Amino acid sequence: MNIIKIQQLVDSDGIVFLSYGGYLSQTLISGMTEALELEAKEYGITMNVSNNLFTIFIELSQNIMNYSKAVESDAKRPQGLIVVSKDSDYNYYIDSQNIISSEDKEKIEPKLLEIQSLDRDGIKKRYRELRRSGHNTHDKGGGIGFYEIAKKCDAIEYDFTKINEDRYYFHIKTTTITKKREN
């Protein structure tokens, strides 16, 4: 993609202020959260909204770290794409995409389907139930992290695109609505 196409994307879809594609590490995630902190300070984002954005970003980054698979083997390779953008009304979007195994898809998808069937109070209630039960709290496989994300954003969308019998592209997008910046 050339710079003109990127500029057209930014002009039509808002401002992409943080984007990374490749191998992820805890150190890299930490550096990217610094960019989010600067964004929050510069645009006067409330502490509540900025904490929500940090939580979503970290959970989605952890998702990439925990579930990423190479296309052709079972070797764990924490590789993916994460993009944080905003529109002219200062609503924030965090997208992530990585390759996952069909086994992980089978663990993740039921959680996301349940989340989409619940209202905000239902998500909070289910999150509390999972926390109290002790199941899936630190378990890889679509534990409570997706419920945490759903609690912190206003909308969550996802899709799985089949690559082959054993692999899928997993894309998740969150929307966090903020009040338009006062000038």
C-alpha atoms as a PDB file:
ATOM      1  CA  MET A   1       0.000   0.000   0.000  1.00  0.00           C
ATOM      2  CA  ASN A   2       1.450   3.347  -0.911  1.00  0.00           C
ATOM      3  CA  ILE A   3       1.292   6.562   1.121  1.00  0.00           C
ATOM      4  CA  ILE A   4      -1.499   8.058  -1.032  1.00  0.00           C
ATOM      5  CA  LYS A   5      -3.757   5.076  -0.335  1.00  0.00           C
ATOM      6  CA  ILE A   6      -2.983   5.317   3.365  1.00  0.00           C
ATOM      7  CA  GLN A   7      -3.842   9.035   3.337  1.00  0.00           C
ATOM      8  CA  GLN A   8      -7.135   8.288   1.538  1.00  0.00           C
ATOM      9  CA  LEU A   9      -7.941   5.689   4.191  1.00  0.00           C
ATOM     10  CA  VAL A  10      -7.206   8.164   6.971  1.00  0.00           C
ATOM     11  CA  ASP A  11      -9.268  10.880   5.272  1.00  0.00           C
ATOM     12  CA  SER A  12     -12.287   8.611   4.822  1.00  0.00           C
ATOM     13  CA  ASP A  13     -12.151   6.610   8.057  1.00  0.00           C
ATOM     14  CA  GLY A  14     -10.653   9.012  10.569  1.00  0.00           C
ATOM     15  CA  ILE A  15      -7.236   9.336  12.117  1.00  0.00           C
ATOM     16  CA  VAL A  16      -5.121   6.249  12.604  1.00  0.00           C
ATOM     17  CA  PHE A  17      -2.800   7.273  15.390  1.00  0.00           C
ATOM     18  CA  LEU A  18      -1.391   3.910  16.380  1.00  0.00           C
ATOM     19  CA  SER A  19      -0.825   0.953  14.107  1.00  0.00           C
ATOM     20  CA  TYR A  20       1.411  -2.066  14.372  1.00  0.00           C
ATOM     21  CA  GLY A  21       1.702  -5.259  12.411  1.00  0.00           C
ATOM     22  CA  GLY A  22       4.194  -8.015  13.134  1.00  0.00           C
ATOM     23  CA  TYR A  23       5.577  -9.849  16.129  1.00  0.00           C
ATOM     24  CA  LEU A  24       4.355  -8.600  19.501  1.00  0.00           C
ATOM     25  CA  SER A  25       6.176  -8.584  22.814  1.00  0.00           C
ATOM     26  CA  GLN A  26       5.359  -7.216  26.264  1.00  0.00           C
ATOM     27  CA  THR A  27       7.974  -4.482  25.740  1.00  0.00           C
ATOM     28  CA  LEU A  28       6.376  -3.410  22.472  1.00  0.00           C
ATOM     29  CA  ILE A  29       2.896  -3.380  24.025  1.00  0.00           C
ATOM     30  CA  SER A  30       4.217  -1.210  26.851  1.00  0.00           C
ATOM     31  CA  GLY A  31       5.643   1.289  24.342  1.00  0.00           C
ATOM     32  CA  MET A  32       2.357   1.455  22.463  1.00  0.00           C
ATOM     33  CA  THR A  33       0.423   2.180  25.663  1.00  0.00           C
ATOM     34  CA  GLU A  34       2.640   5.252  26.059  1.00  0.00           C
ATOM     35  CA  ALA A  35       1.266   6.527  22.731  1.00  0.00           C
ATOM     36  CA  LEU A  36      -2.252   5.983  24.065  1.00  0.00           C
ATOM     37  CA  GLU A  37      -1.384   7.934  27.220  1.00  0.00           C
ATOM     38  CA  LEU A  38      -0.113  10.863  25.144  1.00  0.00           C
ATOM     39  CA  GLU A  39      -3.299  10.789  23.053  1.00  0.00           C
ATOM     40  CA  ALA A  40      -5.421  10.878  26.208  1.00  0.00           C
ATOM     41  CA  LYS A  41      -3.495  13.856  27.592  1.00  0.00           C
ATOM     42  CA  GLU A  42      -3.423  15.799  24.333  1.00  0.00           C
ATOM     43  CA  TYR A  43      -7.143  15.505  23.659  1.00  0.00           C
ATOM     44  CA  GLY A  44      -8.412  15.736  27.222  1.00  0.00           C
ATOM     45  CA  ILE A  45      -9.954  12.293  27.253  1.00  0.00           C
ATOM     46  CA  THR A  46     -11.562  11.571  30.608  1.00  0.00           C
ATOM     47  CA  MET A  47      -9.810   9.174  32.954  1.00  0.00           C
ATOM     48  CA  ASN A  48     -12.680   6.693  32.624  1.00  0.00           C
ATOM     49  CA  VAL A  49     -12.554   6.639  28.814  1.00  0.00           C
ATOM     50  CA  SER A  50      -8.751   6.492  28.700  1.00  0.00           C
ATOM     51  CA  ASN A  51      -8.731   3.589  31.196  1.00  0.00           C
ATOM     52  CA  ASN A  52     -11.280   1.801  29.019  1.00  0.00           C
ATOM     53  CA  LEU A  53      -9.108   2.315  25.923  1.00  0.00           C
ATOM     54  CA  PHE A  54      -5.999   1.042  27.742  1.00  0.00           C
ATOM     55  CA  THR A  55      -7.841  -2.046  28.975  1.00  0.00           C
ATOM     56  CA  ILE A  56      -9.234  -2.846  25.527  1.00  0.00           C
ATOM     57  CA  PHE A  57      -5.860  -2.303  23.869  1.00  0.00           C
ATOM     58  CA  ILE A  58      -4.032  -4.507  26.366  1.00  0.00           C
ATOM     59  CA  GLU A  59      -6.671  -7.276  26.227  1.00  0.00           C
ATOM     60  CA  LEU A  60      -6.595  -7.325  22.408  1.00  0.00           C
ATOM     61  CA  SER A  61      -2.782  -7.319  22.434  1.00  0.00           C
ATOM     62  CA  GLN A  62      -2.810 -10.197  24.901  1.00  0.00           C
ATOM     63  CA  ASN A  63      -5.252 -11.997  22.623  1.00  0.00           C
ATOM     64  CA  ILE A  64      -2.719 -11.747  19.807  1.00  0.00           C
ATOM     65  CA  MET A  65       0.084 -12.898  22.125  1.00  0.00           C
ATOM     66  CA  ASN A  66      -1.939 -15.889  23.382  1.00  0.00           C
ATOM     67  CA  TYR A  67      -3.655 -17.162  20.254  1.00  0.00           C
ATOM     68  CA  SER A  68      -1.485 -16.310  17.258  1.00  0.00           C
ATOM     69  CA  LYS A  69      -0.580 -19.215  15.052  1.00  0.00           C
ATOM     70  CA  ALA A  70       1.451 -19.391  11.882  1.00  0.00           C
ATOM     71  CA  VAL A  71      -0.493 -20.284   8.761  1.00  0.00           C
ATOM     72  CA  GLU A  72       1.306 -23.562   8.138  1.00  0.00           C
ATOM     73  CA  SER A  73       2.372 -24.962  11.518  1.00  0.00           C
ATOM     74  CA  ASP A  74       1.442 -25.206  15.171  1.00  0.00           C
ATOM     75  CA  ALA A  75       4.421 -23.084  16.176  1.00  0.00           C
ATOM     76  CA  LYS A  76       3.283 -20.261  18.410  1.00  0.00           C
ATOM     77  CA  ARG A  77       4.232 -16.959  16.823  1.00  0.00           C
ATOM     78  CA  PRO A  78       2.790 -13.893  18.570  1.00  0.00           C
ATOM     79  CA  GLN A  79       2.125 -12.034  15.360  1.00  0.00           C
ATOM     80  CA  GLY A  80      -0.812  -9.868  14.381  1.00  0.00           C
ATOM     81  CA  LEU A  81      -2.094  -6.433  13.543  1.00  0.00           C
ATOM     82  CA  ILE A  82      -3.510  -3.852  15.930  1.00  0.00           C
ATOM     83  CA  VAL A  83      -4.823  -0.430  14.905  1.00  0.00           C
ATOM     84  CA  VAL A  84      -6.186   2.369  17.085  1.00  0.00           C
ATOM     85  CA  SER A  85      -8.094   5.096  15.265  1.00  0.00           C
ATOM     86  CA  LYS A  86     -10.591   7.853  15.928  1.00  0.00           C
ATOM     87  CA  ASP A  87     -13.146   9.736  13.921  1.00  0.00           C
ATOM     88  CA  SER A  88     -13.895  13.468  13.798  1.00  0.00           C
ATOM     89  CA  ASP A  89     -16.235  13.122  16.803  1.00  0.00           C
ATOM     90  CA  TYR A  90     -13.381  11.592  18.842  1.00  0.00           C
ATOM     91  CA  ASN A  91     -14.922   8.137  18.963  1.00  0.00           C
ATOM     92  CA  TYR A  92     -12.202   5.510  19.210  1.00  0.00           C
ATOM     93  CA  TYR A  93     -11.882   2.220  17.353  1.00  0.00           C
ATOM     94  CA  ILE A  94      -9.471  -0.549  18.209  1.00  0.00           C
ATOM     95  CA  ASP A  95      -9.092  -3.308  15.632  1.00  0.00           C
ATOM     96  CA  SER A  96      -6.955  -6.389  15.913  1.00  0.00           C
ATOM     97  CA  GLN A  97      -6.372  -9.312  13.616  1.00  0.00           C
ATOM     98  CA  ASN A  98      -4.345 -12.463  13.944  1.00  0.00           C
ATOM     99  CA  ILE A  99      -4.300 -16.038  12.741  1.00  0.00           C
ATOM    100  CA  ILE A 100      -5.780 -18.581  15.135  1.00  0.00           C
ATOM    101  CA  SER A 101      -6.250 -22.331  15.096  1.00  0.00           C
ATOM    102  CA  SER A 102      -9.649 -23.888  14.437  1.00  0.00           C
ATOM    103  CA  GLU A 103      -9.473 -25.286  17.989  1.00  0.00           C
ATOM    104  CA  ASP A 104      -9.102 -21.768  19.432  1.00  0.00           C
ATOM    105  CA  LYS A 105     -11.940 -20.528  17.213  1.00  0.00           C
ATOM    106  CA  GLU A 106     -14.182 -23.172  18.779  1.00  0.00           C
ATOM    107  CA  LYS A 107     -13.287 -21.841  22.251  1.00  0.00           C
ATOM    108  CA  ILE A 108     -13.575 -18.143  21.414  1.00  0.00           C
ATOM    109  CA  GLU A 109     -16.679 -17.967  19.233  1.00  0.00           C
ATOM    110  CA  PRO A 110     -19.227 -19.151  21.850  1.00  0.00           C
ATOM    111  CA  LYS A 111     -17.997 -16.460  24.252  1.00  0.00           C
ATOM    112  CA  LEU A 112     -18.350 -13.743  21.616  1.00  0.00           C
ATOM    113  CA  LEU A 113     -21.805 -14.987  20.598  1.00  0.00           C
ATOM    114  CA  GLU A 114     -22.899 -14.887  24.232  1.00  0.00           C
ATOM    115  CA  ILE A 115     -21.483 -11.372  24.653  1.00  0.00           C
ATOM    116  CA  GLN A 116     -23.394 -10.118  21.614  1.00  0.00           C
ATOM    117  CA  SER A 117     -26.621 -11.588  23.003  1.00  0.00           C
ATOM    118  CA  LEU A 118     -26.286  -9.694  26.303  1.00  0.00           C
ATOM    119  CA  ASP A 119     -26.986  -6.079  27.188  1.00  0.00           C
ATOM    120  CA  ARG A 120     -24.465  -4.063  29.233  1.00  0.00           C
ATOM    121  CA  ASP A 121     -25.904  -5.219  32.576  1.00  0.00           C
ATOM    122  CA  GLY A 122     -25.909  -8.832  31.381  1.00  0.00           C
ATOM    123  CA  ILE A 123     -22.247  -8.557  30.357  1.00  0.00           C
ATOM    124  CA  LYS A 124     -21.317  -7.169  33.783  1.00  0.00           C
ATOM    125  CA  LYS A 125     -23.305  -9.874  35.551  1.00  0.00           C
ATOM    126  CA  ARG A 126     -21.731 -12.651  33.482  1.00  0.00           C
ATOM    127  CA  TYR A 127     -18.253 -11.176  34.054  1.00  0.00           C
ATOM    128  CA  ARG A 128     -18.832 -11.207  37.843  1.00  0.00           C
ATOM    129  CA  GLU A 129     -20.078 -14.818  37.657  1.00  0.00           C
ATOM    130  CA  LEU A 130     -16.959 -15.904  35.788  1.00  0.00           C
ATOM    131  CA  ARG A 131     -14.670 -14.048  38.210  1.00  0.00           C
ATOM    132  CA  ARG A 132     -16.352 -15.638  41.232  1.00  0.00           C
ATOM    133  CA  SER A 133     -16.289 -19.120  39.725  1.00  0.00           C
ATOM    134  CA  GLY A 134     -12.529 -19.016  39.218  1.00  0.00           C
ATOM    135  CA  HIS A 135     -12.943 -20.807  35.881  1.00  0.00           C
ATOM    136  CA  ASN A 136     -11.344 -19.246  32.811  1.00  0.00           C
ATOM    137  CA  THR A 137      -9.832 -16.384  34.819  1.00  0.00           C
ATOM    138  CA  HIS A 138      -6.280 -17.102  33.736  1.00  0.00           C
ATOM    139  CA  ASP A 139      -7.004 -19.771  31.189  1.00  0.00           C
ATOM    140  CA  LYS A 140      -6.066 -19.418  27.555  1.00  0.00           C
ATOM    141  CA  GLY A 141      -9.070 -20.145  25.383  1.00  0.00           C
ATOM    142  CA  GLY A 142     -11.471 -17.248  25.447  1.00  0.00           C
ATOM    143  CA  GLY A 143     -11.701 -16.657  29.175  1.00  0.00           C
ATOM    144  CA  ILE A 144     -13.034 -13.521  30.757  1.00  0.00           C
ATOM    145  CA  GLY A 145     -10.862 -11.143  28.702  1.00  0.00           C
ATOM    146  CA  PHE A 146     -13.549 -10.797  26.028  1.00  0.00           C
ATOM    147  CA  TYR A 147     -16.113  -9.947  28.717  1.00  0.00           C
ATOM    148  CA  GLU A 148     -13.685  -7.352  30.081  1.00  0.00           C
ATOM    149  CA  ILE A 149     -13.418  -5.822  26.604  1.00  0.00           C
ATOM    150  CA  ALA A 150     -17.200  -5.835  26.175  1.00  0.00           C
ATOM    151  CA  LYS A 151     -17.642  -4.050  29.526  1.00  0.00           C
ATOM    152  CA  LYS A 152     -15.274  -1.284  28.434  1.00  0.00           C
ATOM    153  CA  CYS A 153     -16.521  -0.522  24.917  1.00  0.00           C
ATOM    154  CA  ASP A 154     -19.817   0.548  23.372  1.00  0.00           C
ATOM    155  CA  ALA A 155     -19.798  -1.970  20.530  1.00  0.00           C
ATOM    156  CA  ILE A 156     -17.865  -5.092  19.627  1.00  0.00           C
ATOM    157  CA  GLU A 157     -17.773  -6.761  16.221  1.00  0.00           C
ATOM    158  CA  TYR A 158     -15.820  -9.787  15.096  1.00  0.00           C
ATOM    159  CA  ASP A 159     -15.420 -12.237  12.274  1.00  0.00           C
ATOM    160  CA  PHE A 160     -13.504 -15.368  11.409  1.00  0.00           C
ATOM    161  CA  THR A 161     -12.248 -15.878   7.864  1.00  0.00           C
ATOM    162  CA  LYS A 162     -11.208 -19.403   7.005  1.00  0.00           C
ATOM    163  CA  ILE A 163      -7.669 -19.774   5.637  1.00  0.00           C
ATOM    164  CA  ASN A 164      -7.579 -23.575   5.533  1.00  0.00           C
ATOM    165  CA  GLU A 165      -8.917 -26.523   7.565  1.00  0.00           C
ATOM    166  CA  ASP A 166      -6.782 -25.612  10.575  1.00  0.00           C
ATOM    167  CA  ARG A 167      -6.474 -21.798  10.497  1.00  0.00           C
ATOM    168  CA  TYR A 168      -8.645 -18.681  10.555  1.00  0.00           C
ATOM    169  CA  TYR A 169      -8.056 -14.953  10.453  1.00  0.00           C
ATOM    170  CA  PHE A 170      -9.675 -13.591  13.608  1.00  0.00           C
ATOM    171  CA  HIS A 171     -10.664  -9.907  13.408  1.00  0.00           C
ATOM    172  CA  ILE A 172     -12.208  -8.014  16.293  1.00  0.00           C
ATOM    173  CA  LYS A 173     -13.228  -4.351  16.343  1.00  0.00           C
ATOM    174  CA  THR A 174     -14.300  -2.303  19.334  1.00  0.00           C
ATOM    175  CA  THR A 175     -15.963   1.094  19.365  1.00  0.00           C
ATOM    176  CA  THR A 176     -15.690   3.500  22.281  1.00  0.00           C
ATOM    177  CA  ILE A 177     -17.924   6.538  22.000  1.00  0.00           C
ATOM    178  CA  THR A 178     -16.699   9.735  23.619  1.00  0.00           C
ATOM    179  CA  LYS A 179     -18.073  13.200  23.857  1.00  0.00           C
ATOM    180  CA  LYS A 180     -16.866  15.449  21.047  1.00  0.00           C
ATOM    181  CA  ARG A 181     -13.949  17.562  22.156  1.00  0.00           C
ATOM    182  CA  GLU A 182     -14.916  21.050  23.256  1.00  0.00           C
ATOM    183  CA  ASN A 183     -12.816  23.799  21.655  1.00  0.00           C
END
